[in-house]
């Protein structure tokens, strides 16, 4: 355990940020799962709706620094490709 006051504060701040990041990552993963579930069910309308929601949530997470922009771009690209492949 830290003895210095500033180190104690940093521990509290880091724990708070970690919890926030976990919540955001969990939310994004849920949206991604919804997209792929719709793709597996071959439901194009649901997939497009879920894709728009997922892109929105992922962009928010990226702007908050939870994900790197390249990671977000890669995942969005793969999801979009999967949705567009539905016939």
C-alpha atoms as a PDB file:
ATOM      1  CA  UNK A   1       0.000   0.000   0.000  1.00  0.00           C
ATOM      2  CA  UNK A   2       1.175   3.483  -0.845  1.00  0.00           C
ATOM      3  CA  UNK A   3       2.291   5.810   1.922  1.00  0.00           C
ATOM      4  CA  UNK A   4       2.433   9.064  -0.016  1.00  0.00           C
ATOM      5  CA  UNK A   5      -0.777  11.064  -0.282  1.00  0.00           C
ATOM      6  CA  UNK A   6      -0.506  11.627  -4.039  1.00  0.00           C
ATOM      7  CA  UNK A   7       0.133   7.925  -4.637  1.00  0.00           C
ATOM      8  CA  UNK A   8      -2.974   7.042  -2.613  1.00  0.00           C
ATOM      9  CA  UNK A   9      -4.998   9.466  -4.723  1.00  0.00           C
ATOM     10  CA  UNK A  10      -3.609   7.994  -7.955  1.00  0.00           C
ATOM     11  CA  UNK A  11      -4.725   4.532  -6.836  1.00  0.00           C
ATOM     12  CA  UNK A  12      -8.273   5.816  -6.303  1.00  0.00           C
ATOM     13  CA  UNK A  13      -8.320   7.650  -9.643  1.00  0.00           C
ATOM     14  CA  UNK A  14      -6.946   4.650 -11.550  1.00  0.00           C
ATOM     15  CA  UNK A  15      -9.540   2.342  -9.974  1.00  0.00           C
ATOM     16  CA  UNK A  16     -12.339   4.727 -10.993  1.00  0.00           C
ATOM     17  CA  UNK A  17     -11.034   4.970 -14.570  1.00  0.00           C
ATOM     18  CA  UNK A  18     -10.603   1.188 -14.765  1.00  0.00           C
ATOM     19  CA  UNK A  19     -14.218   0.629 -13.757  1.00  0.00           C
ATOM     20  CA  UNK A  20     -15.408   3.167 -16.331  1.00  0.00           C
ATOM     21  CA  UNK A  21     -13.312   1.569 -19.075  1.00  0.00           C
ATOM     22  CA  UNK A  22     -14.594  -1.912 -18.199  1.00  0.00           C
ATOM     23  CA  UNK A  23     -18.190  -0.710 -18.401  1.00  0.00           C
ATOM     24  CA  UNK A  24     -17.625   0.969 -21.771  1.00  0.00           C
ATOM     25  CA  UNK A  25     -15.778  -2.050 -23.211  1.00  0.00           C
ATOM     26  CA  UNK A  26     -18.536  -4.376 -22.046  1.00  0.00           C
ATOM     27  CA  UNK A  27     -21.178  -2.165 -23.664  1.00  0.00           C
ATOM     28  CA  UNK A  28     -19.269  -2.067 -26.963  1.00  0.00           C
ATOM     29  CA  UNK A  29     -18.810  -5.854 -26.956  1.00  0.00           C
ATOM     30  CA  UNK A  30     -22.568  -6.273 -26.472  1.00  0.00           C
ATOM     31  CA  UNK A  31     -23.291  -4.076 -29.494  1.00  0.00           C
ATOM     32  CA  UNK A  32     -20.752  -6.007 -31.585  1.00  0.00           C
ATOM     33  CA  UNK A  33     -22.365  -9.312 -30.585  1.00  0.00           C
ATOM     34  CA  UNK A  34     -25.762  -7.979 -31.689  1.00  0.00           C
ATOM     35  CA  UNK A  35     -24.347  -7.172 -35.137  1.00  0.00           C
ATOM     36  CA  UNK A  36     -22.839 -10.620 -35.609  1.00  0.00           C
ATOM     37  CA  UNK A  37     -25.981 -12.314 -34.257  1.00  0.00           C
ATOM     38  CA  UNK A  38     -28.051 -10.505 -36.883  1.00  0.00           C
ATOM     39  CA  UNK A  39     -25.495 -11.451 -39.558  1.00  0.00           C
ATOM     40  CA  UNK A  40     -25.666 -15.122 -38.510  1.00  0.00           C
ATOM     41  CA  UNK A  41     -29.461 -14.956 -38.670  1.00  0.00           C
ATOM     42  CA  UNK A  42     -29.153 -13.372 -42.153  1.00  0.00           C
ATOM     43  CA  UNK A  43     -31.425 -10.508 -41.086  1.00  0.00           C
ATOM     44  CA  UNK A  44     -30.139  -7.570 -43.137  1.00  0.00           C
ATOM     45  CA  UNK A  45     -32.383  -4.867 -41.657  1.00  0.00           C
ATOM     46  CA  UNK A  46     -31.572  -5.811 -38.065  1.00  0.00           C
ATOM     47  CA  UNK A  47     -27.890  -6.084 -38.958  1.00  0.00           C
ATOM     48  CA  UNK A  48     -27.814  -2.587 -40.463  1.00  0.00           C
ATOM     49  CA  UNK A  49     -29.580  -1.111 -37.453  1.00  0.00           C
ATOM     50  CA  UNK A  50     -27.256  -2.926 -35.053  1.00  0.00           C
ATOM     51  CA  UNK A  51     -24.241  -1.840 -37.122  1.00  0.00           C
ATOM     52  CA  UNK A  52     -25.196   1.836 -36.869  1.00  0.00           C
ATOM     53  CA  UNK A  53     -25.645   1.517 -33.103  1.00  0.00           C
ATOM     54  CA  UNK A  54     -22.328  -0.318 -32.753  1.00  0.00           C
ATOM     55  CA  UNK A  55     -20.444   2.258 -34.819  1.00  0.00           C
ATOM     56  CA  UNK A  56     -21.882   5.033 -32.663  1.00  0.00           C
ATOM     57  CA  UNK A  57     -20.885   3.348 -29.394  1.00  0.00           C
ATOM     58  CA  UNK A  58     -17.421   2.443 -30.679  1.00  0.00           C
ATOM     59  CA  UNK A  59     -16.803   6.012 -31.825  1.00  0.00           C
ATOM     60  CA  UNK A  60     -17.787   7.309 -28.403  1.00  0.00           C
ATOM     61  CA  UNK A  61     -15.423   4.828 -26.743  1.00  0.00           C
ATOM     62  CA  UNK A  62     -12.614   5.884 -29.071  1.00  0.00           C
ATOM     63  CA  UNK A  63     -13.158   9.566 -28.334  1.00  0.00           C
ATOM     64  CA  UNK A  64     -12.913   8.791 -24.611  1.00  0.00           C
ATOM     65  CA  UNK A  65      -9.622   6.967 -25.139  1.00  0.00           C
ATOM     66  CA  UNK A  66     -10.892   3.489 -24.316  1.00  0.00           C
ATOM     67  CA  UNK A  67      -9.969   2.105 -27.744  1.00  0.00           C
ATOM     68  CA  UNK A  68      -7.258   3.157 -30.197  1.00  0.00           C
ATOM     69  CA  UNK A  69      -8.649   4.655 -33.394  1.00  0.00           C
ATOM     70  CA  UNK A  70      -7.038   1.959 -35.549  1.00  0.00           C
ATOM     71  CA  UNK A  71      -8.672  -0.779 -33.501  1.00  0.00           C
ATOM     72  CA  UNK A  72     -12.042   0.872 -33.898  1.00  0.00           C
ATOM     73  CA  UNK A  73     -11.560   1.355 -37.638  1.00  0.00           C
ATOM     74  CA  UNK A  74     -10.554  -2.285 -38.096  1.00  0.00           C
ATOM     75  CA  UNK A  75     -13.535  -3.625 -36.161  1.00  0.00           C
ATOM     76  CA  UNK A  76     -15.994  -1.307 -37.928  1.00  0.00           C
ATOM     77  CA  UNK A  77     -14.577  -2.328 -41.291  1.00  0.00           C
ATOM     78  CA  UNK A  78     -14.954  -6.031 -40.535  1.00  0.00           C
ATOM     79  CA  UNK A  79     -18.497  -5.610 -39.253  1.00  0.00           C
ATOM     80  CA  UNK A  80     -19.510  -3.526 -42.262  1.00  0.00           C
ATOM     81  CA  UNK A  81     -18.033  -6.138 -44.604  1.00  0.00           C
ATOM     82  CA  UNK A  82     -19.979  -8.899 -42.818  1.00  0.00           C
ATOM     83  CA  UNK A  83     -23.261  -6.931 -42.993  1.00  0.00           C
ATOM     84  CA  UNK A  84     -22.782  -6.116 -46.679  1.00  0.00           C
ATOM     85  CA  UNK A  85     -22.114  -9.791 -47.439  1.00  0.00           C
ATOM     86  CA  UNK A  86     -25.635 -10.809 -46.352  1.00  0.00           C
ATOM     87  CA  UNK A  87     -27.689 -11.886 -49.376  1.00  0.00           C
END
